[in-house]
Amino acid sequence: MNVDAIDLKILKHLQDNARLSNQELADLVNLSASACHRRVKILEANGVIEKYQAKVNYEKLGIKIEAIVEIKLAQLTENDHNFFLSQIKNFDEVINAYIITGESNYVLHVATKDLNSFSHFVINTLNKIKGVVSINSKIILQKIVQKPL
């Protein structure tokens, strides 16, 4: 699918506020309501827009600690990989997970209510997953850049 400058504007505005009405969005990108609606439907149909979701303020939910956790497995066979994924998908603390290159195999974005909970999660949960040989944690002190596209 070819995405043009108008499509990128539509995406930017929807990332900023997915609750915009079609007319509001059309006005922001200088299109008629029907042309804007058609473009949004095409973006959805082609999987460019996957879903609309709320951005949650974790701190307001009492979650005070966010961390980046690098994990290395002893071996990265397909079975080990699938087992590891099956485990972390069940953990509420894991917000995002990525397969990476380098010394570690995975990076997890983890959120917990406090440092004690984070420590418990790393020591008593992540550390007990079969095949994990190394865990390297970095506490996020402050989010300085968060932006869409």
N, C-alpha and C. Protein backbone atom coordinates (compact mmCIF):
# COMPACT_ATOMS: atom_id res chain seq x y z
N MET A 1 0.84 -1.18 0.00
CA MET A 1 0.00 0.00 0.00
C MET A 1 0.88 1.24 0.00
N ASN A 2 0.55 2.20 -0.83
CA ASN A 2 1.25 3.48 -0.85
C ASN A 2 0.57 4.43 0.13
N VAL A 3 1.35 4.97 1.05
CA VAL A 3 0.85 5.93 2.02
C VAL A 3 1.39 7.29 1.63
N ASP A 4 0.49 8.24 1.42
CA ASP A 4 0.92 9.58 1.01
C ASP A 4 0.93 10.53 2.21
N ALA A 5 1.23 11.80 1.93
CA ALA A 5 1.35 12.81 2.99
C ALA A 5 0.03 13.00 3.74
N ILE A 6 -1.09 12.92 3.04
CA ILE A 6 -2.39 13.08 3.70
C ILE A 6 -2.66 11.90 4.63
N ASP A 7 -2.34 10.69 4.17
CA ASP A 7 -2.50 9.52 5.03
C ASP A 7 -1.65 9.66 6.30
N LEU A 8 -0.42 10.15 6.14
CA LEU A 8 0.45 10.34 7.31
C LEU A 8 -0.13 11.37 8.27
N LYS A 9 -0.76 12.42 7.74
CA LYS A 9 -1.42 13.41 8.60
C LYS A 9 -2.58 12.77 9.35
N ILE A 10 -3.36 11.97 8.64
CA ILE A 10 -4.48 11.27 9.28
C ILE A 10 -3.96 10.39 10.41
N LEU A 11 -2.91 9.64 10.14
CA LEU A 11 -2.33 8.75 11.16
C LEU A 11 -1.83 9.53 12.36
N LYS A 12 -1.15 10.64 12.11
CA LYS A 12 -0.63 11.46 13.21
C LYS A 12 -1.76 11.96 14.10
N HIS A 13 -2.82 12.49 13.47
CA HIS A 13 -3.93 13.01 14.26
C HIS A 13 -4.65 11.90 15.03
N LEU A 14 -4.81 10.74 14.43
CA LEU A 14 -5.45 9.63 15.13
C LEU A 14 -4.58 9.10 16.27
N GLN A 15 -3.26 9.15 16.09
CA GLN A 15 -2.37 8.74 17.18
C GLN A 15 -2.44 9.74 18.34
N ASP A 16 -2.61 11.01 18.01
CA ASP A 16 -2.73 12.02 19.06
C ASP A 16 -4.08 11.93 19.77
N ASN A 17 -5.14 11.64 18.99
CA ASN A 17 -6.48 11.58 19.55
C ASN A 17 -7.35 10.66 18.69
N ALA A 18 -7.44 9.42 19.08
CA ALA A 18 -8.21 8.44 18.30
C ALA A 18 -9.72 8.64 18.44
N ARG A 19 -10.13 9.57 19.30
CA ARG A 19 -11.55 9.81 19.51
C ARG A 19 -12.09 10.94 18.64
N LEU A 20 -11.26 11.46 17.74
CA LEU A 20 -11.74 12.50 16.83
C LEU A 20 -12.91 11.97 16.00
N SER A 21 -13.90 12.82 15.81
CA SER A 21 -14.97 12.42 14.89
C SER A 21 -14.41 12.47 13.47
N ASN A 22 -15.07 11.81 12.56
CA ASN A 22 -14.62 11.82 11.17
C ASN A 22 -14.59 13.25 10.63
N GLN A 23 -15.59 14.06 11.00
CA GLN A 23 -15.63 15.44 10.51
C GLN A 23 -14.47 16.26 11.08
N GLU A 24 -14.17 16.09 12.36
CA GLU A 24 -13.03 16.80 12.96
C GLU A 24 -11.73 16.40 12.27
N LEU A 25 -11.56 15.12 12.04
CA LEU A 25 -10.36 14.63 11.36
C LEU A 25 -10.28 15.18 9.95
N ALA A 26 -11.39 15.16 9.24
CA ALA A 26 -11.43 15.69 7.87
C ALA A 26 -11.03 17.15 7.85
N ASP A 27 -11.53 17.93 8.80
CA ASP A 27 -11.19 19.36 8.87
C ASP A 27 -9.69 19.55 9.12
N LEU A 28 -9.12 18.72 9.97
CA LEU A 28 -7.69 18.84 10.29
C LEU A 28 -6.78 18.53 9.11
N VAL A 29 -7.23 17.65 8.22
CA VAL A 29 -6.39 17.26 7.08
C VAL A 29 -6.89 17.85 5.75
N ASN A 30 -7.85 18.76 5.86
CA ASN A 30 -8.39 19.47 4.68
C ASN A 30 -8.96 18.54 3.62
N LEU A 31 -9.81 17.62 4.07
CA LEU A 31 -10.53 16.73 3.16
C LEU A 31 -12.02 16.83 3.45
N SER A 32 -12.82 16.37 2.51
CA SER A 32 -14.24 16.22 2.79
C SER A 32 -14.39 15.05 3.76
N ALA A 33 -15.51 15.03 4.47
CA ALA A 33 -15.74 13.95 5.44
C ALA A 33 -15.74 12.59 4.75
N SER A 34 -16.34 12.51 3.57
CA SER A 34 -16.42 11.21 2.87
C SER A 34 -15.04 10.76 2.39
N ALA A 35 -14.23 11.68 1.88
CA ALA A 35 -12.88 11.32 1.42
C ALA A 35 -12.01 10.88 2.60
N CYS A 36 -12.15 11.56 3.72
CA CYS A 36 -11.39 11.21 4.92
C CYS A 36 -11.81 9.82 5.42
N HIS A 37 -13.11 9.59 5.47
CA HIS A 37 -13.63 8.30 5.93
C HIS A 37 -13.13 7.17 5.03
N ARG A 38 -13.13 7.40 3.74
CA ARG A 38 -12.66 6.40 2.78
C ARG A 38 -11.19 6.07 3.03
N ARG A 39 -10.36 7.10 3.25
CA ARG A 39 -8.94 6.89 3.52
C ARG A 39 -8.72 6.11 4.82
N VAL A 40 -9.45 6.46 5.86
CA VAL A 40 -9.31 5.75 7.14
C VAL A 40 -9.69 4.28 6.96
N LYS A 41 -10.77 4.02 6.24
CA LYS A 41 -11.20 2.63 6.00
C LYS A 41 -10.14 1.85 5.21
N ILE A 42 -9.50 2.49 4.25
CA ILE A 42 -8.43 1.84 3.47
C ILE A 42 -7.23 1.54 4.38
N LEU A 43 -6.88 2.51 5.23
CA LEU A 43 -5.77 2.29 6.17
C LEU A 43 -6.08 1.14 7.13
N GLU A 44 -7.33 1.04 7.56
CA GLU A 44 -7.74 -0.07 8.44
C GLU A 44 -7.71 -1.40 7.68
N ALA A 45 -8.26 -1.41 6.48
CA ALA A 45 -8.35 -2.64 5.69
C ALA A 45 -6.97 -3.20 5.34
N ASN A 46 -6.00 -2.30 5.16
CA ASN A 46 -4.64 -2.72 4.81
C ASN A 46 -3.76 -2.97 6.04
N GLY A 47 -4.34 -2.87 7.22
CA GLY A 47 -3.59 -3.17 8.43
C GLY A 47 -2.66 -2.08 8.91
N VAL A 48 -2.70 -0.91 8.26
CA VAL A 48 -1.86 0.20 8.73
C VAL A 48 -2.39 0.67 10.09
N ILE A 49 -3.71 0.80 10.20
CA ILE A 49 -4.34 1.05 11.50
C ILE A 49 -4.81 -0.30 12.01
N GLU A 50 -4.18 -0.76 13.08
CA GLU A 50 -4.51 -2.08 13.62
C GLU A 50 -5.66 -2.02 14.60
N LYS A 51 -5.65 -1.01 15.48
CA LYS A 51 -6.72 -0.87 16.46
C LYS A 51 -6.64 0.51 17.09
N TYR A 52 -7.69 0.87 17.78
CA TYR A 52 -7.75 2.12 18.51
C TYR A 52 -7.73 1.76 19.99
N GLN A 53 -6.85 2.43 20.74
CA GLN A 53 -6.76 2.08 22.15
C GLN A 53 -6.44 3.30 22.99
N ALA A 54 -6.75 3.19 24.28
CA ALA A 54 -6.48 4.27 25.22
C ALA A 54 -5.02 4.23 25.65
N LYS A 55 -4.42 5.40 25.83
CA LYS A 55 -3.07 5.50 26.39
C LYS A 55 -3.24 5.64 27.90
N VAL A 56 -2.72 4.70 28.63
CA VAL A 56 -2.92 4.63 30.07
C VAL A 56 -1.77 5.30 30.80
N ASN A 57 -2.10 6.11 31.80
CA ASN A 57 -1.10 6.71 32.67
C ASN A 57 -0.86 5.73 33.82
N TYR A 58 0.23 4.99 33.75
CA TYR A 58 0.50 3.94 34.74
C TYR A 58 0.63 4.50 36.15
N GLU A 59 1.19 5.69 36.27
CA GLU A 59 1.38 6.27 37.60
C GLU A 59 0.05 6.50 38.30
N LYS A 60 -0.97 6.90 37.54
CA LYS A 60 -2.30 7.12 38.12
C LYS A 60 -2.92 5.81 38.61
N LEU A 61 -2.42 4.69 38.11
CA LEU A 61 -2.89 3.37 38.55
C LEU A 61 -2.06 2.83 39.71
N GLY A 62 -1.13 3.64 40.20
CA GLY A 62 -0.29 3.21 41.32
C GLY A 62 0.95 2.46 40.89
N ILE A 63 1.25 2.47 39.60
CA ILE A 63 2.44 1.80 39.10
C ILE A 63 3.57 2.82 39.07
N LYS A 64 4.53 2.65 39.95
CA LYS A 64 5.59 3.65 40.12
C LYS A 64 6.90 3.27 39.45
N ILE A 65 7.10 2.00 39.16
CA ILE A 65 8.38 1.55 38.60
C ILE A 65 8.17 0.99 37.21
N GLU A 66 8.93 1.53 36.26
CA GLU A 66 9.01 0.95 34.92
C GLU A 66 10.48 0.65 34.67
N ALA A 67 10.73 -0.44 33.99
CA ALA A 67 12.11 -0.85 33.76
C ALA A 67 12.24 -1.53 32.41
N ILE A 68 13.46 -1.49 31.91
CA ILE A 68 13.85 -2.24 30.72
C ILE A 68 14.65 -3.43 31.24
N VAL A 69 14.23 -4.62 30.86
CA VAL A 69 14.88 -5.84 31.35
C VAL A 69 15.37 -6.65 30.16
N GLU A 70 16.69 -6.84 30.10
CA GLU A 70 17.29 -7.67 29.05
C GLU A 70 17.43 -9.09 29.57
N ILE A 71 17.06 -10.04 28.72
CA ILE A 71 17.12 -11.45 29.11
C ILE A 71 17.88 -12.25 28.07
N LYS A 72 18.75 -13.11 28.57
CA LYS A 72 19.49 -14.02 27.69
C LYS A 72 19.15 -15.45 28.07
N LEU A 73 18.86 -16.25 27.06
CA LEU A 73 18.60 -17.67 27.28
C LEU A 73 19.88 -18.47 27.01
N ALA A 74 19.97 -19.64 27.63
CA ALA A 74 21.13 -20.51 27.42
C ALA A 74 21.24 -20.89 25.95
N GLN A 75 20.12 -21.22 25.35
CA GLN A 75 20.06 -21.54 23.92
C GLN A 75 18.82 -20.88 23.36
N LEU A 76 18.87 -20.53 22.10
CA LEU A 76 17.69 -19.92 21.49
C LEU A 76 17.14 -20.84 20.40
N THR A 77 16.76 -22.02 20.82
CA THR A 77 16.11 -22.94 19.88
C THR A 77 14.65 -22.52 19.75
N GLU A 78 13.97 -23.04 18.76
CA GLU A 78 12.56 -22.71 18.57
C GLU A 78 11.74 -23.11 19.79
N ASN A 79 12.03 -24.27 20.37
CA ASN A 79 11.31 -24.72 21.57
C ASN A 79 11.57 -23.80 22.76
N ASP A 80 12.84 -23.41 22.96
CA ASP A 80 13.17 -22.50 24.06
C ASP A 80 12.47 -21.16 23.88
N HIS A 81 12.50 -20.66 22.65
CA HIS A 81 11.86 -19.39 22.33
C HIS A 81 10.36 -19.47 22.61
N ASN A 82 9.70 -20.50 22.11
CA ASN A 82 8.26 -20.65 22.31
C ASN A 82 7.90 -20.81 23.77
N PHE A 83 8.72 -21.54 24.51
CA PHE A 83 8.47 -21.71 25.94
C PHE A 83 8.59 -20.37 26.67
N PHE A 84 9.66 -19.63 26.36
CA PHE A 84 9.86 -18.33 27.00
C PHE A 84 8.68 -17.40 26.71
N LEU A 85 8.26 -17.34 25.46
CA LEU A 85 7.12 -16.48 25.09
C LEU A 85 5.85 -16.91 25.81
N SER A 86 5.63 -18.20 25.92
CA SER A 86 4.42 -18.68 26.61
C SER A 86 4.42 -18.25 28.07
N GLN A 87 5.60 -18.13 28.67
CA GLN A 87 5.70 -17.71 30.06
C GLN A 87 5.45 -16.22 30.22
N ILE A 88 6.15 -15.40 29.44
CA ILE A 88 6.06 -13.95 29.66
C ILE A 88 4.71 -13.38 29.24
N LYS A 89 4.01 -14.04 28.34
CA LYS A 89 2.68 -13.56 27.93
C LYS A 89 1.70 -13.58 29.10
N ASN A 90 1.96 -14.38 30.10
CA ASN A 90 1.07 -14.50 31.25
C ASN A 90 1.38 -13.51 32.37
N PHE A 91 2.44 -12.74 32.24
CA PHE A 91 2.85 -11.84 33.32
C PHE A 91 2.25 -10.45 33.11
N ASP A 92 1.43 -10.00 34.06
CA ASP A 92 0.84 -8.67 33.97
C ASP A 92 1.90 -7.57 33.98
N GLU A 93 3.03 -7.85 34.59
CA GLU A 93 4.11 -6.84 34.69
C GLU A 93 4.75 -6.52 33.35
N VAL A 94 4.67 -7.43 32.39
CA VAL A 94 5.31 -7.22 31.09
C VAL A 94 4.36 -6.43 30.19
N ILE A 95 4.78 -5.19 29.88
CA ILE A 95 3.97 -4.30 29.03
C ILE A 95 4.27 -4.57 27.56
N ASN A 96 5.54 -4.68 27.24
CA ASN A 96 5.99 -4.96 25.87
C ASN A 96 7.17 -5.92 25.94
N ALA A 97 7.34 -6.68 24.88
CA ALA A 97 8.48 -7.59 24.79
C ALA A 97 8.99 -7.59 23.36
N TYR A 98 10.32 -7.63 23.24
CA TYR A 98 10.95 -7.57 21.92
C TYR A 98 12.05 -8.62 21.83
N ILE A 99 12.19 -9.20 20.65
CA ILE A 99 13.35 -10.04 20.35
C ILE A 99 14.40 -9.09 19.80
N ILE A 100 15.63 -9.21 20.27
CA ILE A 100 16.67 -8.26 19.86
C ILE A 100 17.93 -9.00 19.39
N THR A 101 18.84 -8.23 18.81
CA THR A 101 20.16 -8.74 18.48
C THR A 101 21.12 -8.32 19.58
N GLY A 102 22.30 -8.89 19.58
CA GLY A 102 23.30 -8.53 20.59
C GLY A 102 23.46 -9.64 21.60
N GLU A 103 23.98 -9.28 22.77
CA GLU A 103 24.28 -10.28 23.80
C GLU A 103 23.03 -10.88 24.42
N SER A 104 21.97 -10.09 24.53
CA SER A 104 20.72 -10.59 25.08
C SER A 104 19.82 -11.04 23.94
N ASN A 105 18.81 -11.82 24.28
CA ASN A 105 17.85 -12.29 23.27
C ASN A 105 16.56 -11.48 23.27
N TYR A 106 16.20 -10.94 24.44
CA TYR A 106 14.92 -10.25 24.59
C TYR A 106 15.10 -8.97 25.41
N VAL A 107 14.22 -8.02 25.14
CA VAL A 107 14.07 -6.85 25.99
C VAL A 107 12.61 -6.79 26.40
N LEU A 108 12.38 -6.67 27.70
CA LEU A 108 11.03 -6.54 28.23
C LEU A 108 10.86 -5.14 28.81
N HIS A 109 9.71 -4.54 28.58
CA HIS A 109 9.33 -3.31 29.26
C HIS A 109 8.40 -3.76 30.37
N VAL A 110 8.83 -3.53 31.60
CA VAL A 110 8.15 -4.06 32.78
C VAL A 110 7.64 -2.91 33.63
N ALA A 111 6.46 -3.07 34.23
CA ALA A 111 5.91 -2.06 35.13
C ALA A 111 5.38 -2.73 36.40
N THR A 112 5.77 -2.16 37.55
CA THR A 112 5.30 -2.69 38.84
C THR A 112 4.95 -1.53 39.76
N LYS A 113 4.26 -1.84 40.86
CA LYS A 113 3.80 -0.77 41.75
C LYS A 113 4.92 -0.12 42.55
N ASP A 114 5.99 -0.88 42.82
CA ASP A 114 7.10 -0.31 43.58
C ASP A 114 8.36 -1.15 43.35
N LEU A 115 9.46 -0.69 43.93
CA LEU A 115 10.74 -1.37 43.76
C LEU A 115 10.73 -2.78 44.35
N ASN A 116 10.05 -2.94 45.46
CA ASN A 116 9.94 -4.26 46.08
C ASN A 116 9.25 -5.25 45.14
N SER A 117 8.17 -4.82 44.53
CA SER A 117 7.44 -5.68 43.58
C SER A 117 8.30 -6.00 42.36
N PHE A 118 9.05 -5.01 41.91
CA PHE A 118 9.93 -5.23 40.76
C PHE A 118 10.99 -6.27 41.10
N SER A 119 11.62 -6.09 42.25
CA SER A 119 12.66 -7.03 42.70
C SER A 119 12.08 -8.44 42.81
N HIS A 120 10.92 -8.55 43.39
CA HIS A 120 10.27 -9.86 43.54
C HIS A 120 9.98 -10.47 42.17
N PHE A 121 9.51 -9.67 41.23
CA PHE A 121 9.20 -10.16 39.89
C PHE A 121 10.45 -10.70 39.20
N VAL A 122 11.55 -9.96 39.29
CA VAL A 122 12.79 -10.39 38.64
C VAL A 122 13.33 -11.66 39.30
N ILE A 123 13.43 -11.64 40.62
CA ILE A 123 14.06 -12.76 41.33
C ILE A 123 13.19 -14.01 41.36
N ASN A 124 11.92 -13.84 41.63
CA ASN A 124 11.05 -15.00 41.85
C ASN A 124 10.21 -15.42 40.65
N THR A 125 10.23 -14.61 39.60
CA THR A 125 9.43 -14.98 38.42
C THR A 125 10.33 -15.14 37.20
N LEU A 126 10.95 -14.04 36.76
CA LEU A 126 11.77 -14.12 35.55
C LEU A 126 12.95 -15.07 35.74
N ASN A 127 13.58 -14.98 36.88
CA ASN A 127 14.77 -15.79 37.15
C ASN A 127 14.47 -17.29 37.20
N LYS A 128 13.21 -17.63 37.40
CA LYS A 128 12.83 -19.05 37.52
C LYS A 128 12.39 -19.66 36.19
N ILE A 129 12.34 -18.86 35.13
CA ILE A 129 11.96 -19.40 33.83
C ILE A 129 13.08 -20.29 33.32
N LYS A 130 12.72 -21.49 32.92
CA LYS A 130 13.70 -22.46 32.42
C LYS A 130 14.47 -21.86 31.24
N GLY A 131 15.80 -21.96 31.31
CA GLY A 131 16.65 -21.51 30.22
C GLY A 131 17.23 -20.12 30.38
N VAL A 132 16.70 -19.32 31.31
CA VAL A 132 17.22 -17.96 31.51
C VAL A 132 18.58 -18.05 32.21
N VAL A 133 19.60 -17.45 31.58
CA VAL A 133 20.94 -17.47 32.18
C VAL A 133 21.42 -16.09 32.58
N SER A 134 20.76 -15.04 32.08
CA SER A 134 21.21 -13.69 32.40
C SER A 134 20.03 -12.73 32.36
N ILE A 135 19.97 -11.86 33.39
CA ILE A 135 18.96 -10.81 33.45
C ILE A 135 19.68 -9.51 33.78
N ASN A 136 19.45 -8.49 32.98
CA ASN A 136 20.06 -7.18 33.19
C ASN A 136 18.94 -6.15 33.19
N SER A 137 18.75 -5.48 34.34
CA SER A 137 17.63 -4.55 34.49
C SER A 137 18.10 -3.11 34.52
N LYS A 138 17.29 -2.25 33.94
CA LYS A 138 17.53 -0.81 33.96
C LYS A 138 16.23 -0.12 34.34
N ILE A 139 16.22 0.56 35.48
CA ILE A 139 15.03 1.28 35.93
C ILE A 139 14.89 2.56 35.10
N ILE A 140 13.70 2.82 34.62
CA ILE A 140 13.44 4.05 33.87
C ILE A 140 13.23 5.17 34.88
N LEU A 141 14.08 6.19 34.82
CA LEU A 141 13.98 7.32 35.74
C LEU A 141 12.96 8.35 35.25
N GLN A 142 12.97 8.59 33.95
CA GLN A 142 12.07 9.60 33.38
C GLN A 142 11.89 9.33 31.90
N LYS A 143 10.66 9.46 31.43
CA LYS A 143 10.40 9.34 30.00
C LYS A 143 10.59 10.72 29.39
N ILE A 144 11.53 10.82 28.46
CA ILE A 144 11.83 12.14 27.91
C ILE A 144 11.32 12.32 26.49
N VAL A 145 11.14 11.24 25.75
CA VAL A 145 10.57 11.33 24.41
C VAL A 145 9.59 10.18 24.25
N GLN A 146 8.36 10.52 23.93
CA GLN A 146 7.33 9.54 23.59
C GLN A 146 6.56 10.15 22.44
N LYS A 147 6.68 9.55 21.28
CA LYS A 147 5.98 10.14 20.15
C LYS A 147 5.52 9.08 19.18
N PRO A 148 4.45 9.37 18.48
CA PRO A 148 4.01 8.49 17.41
C PRO A 148 4.88 8.71 16.18
N LEU A 149 4.76 7.80 15.21
CA LEU A 149 5.51 7.92 13.94
C LEU A 149 6.51 9.01 14.00
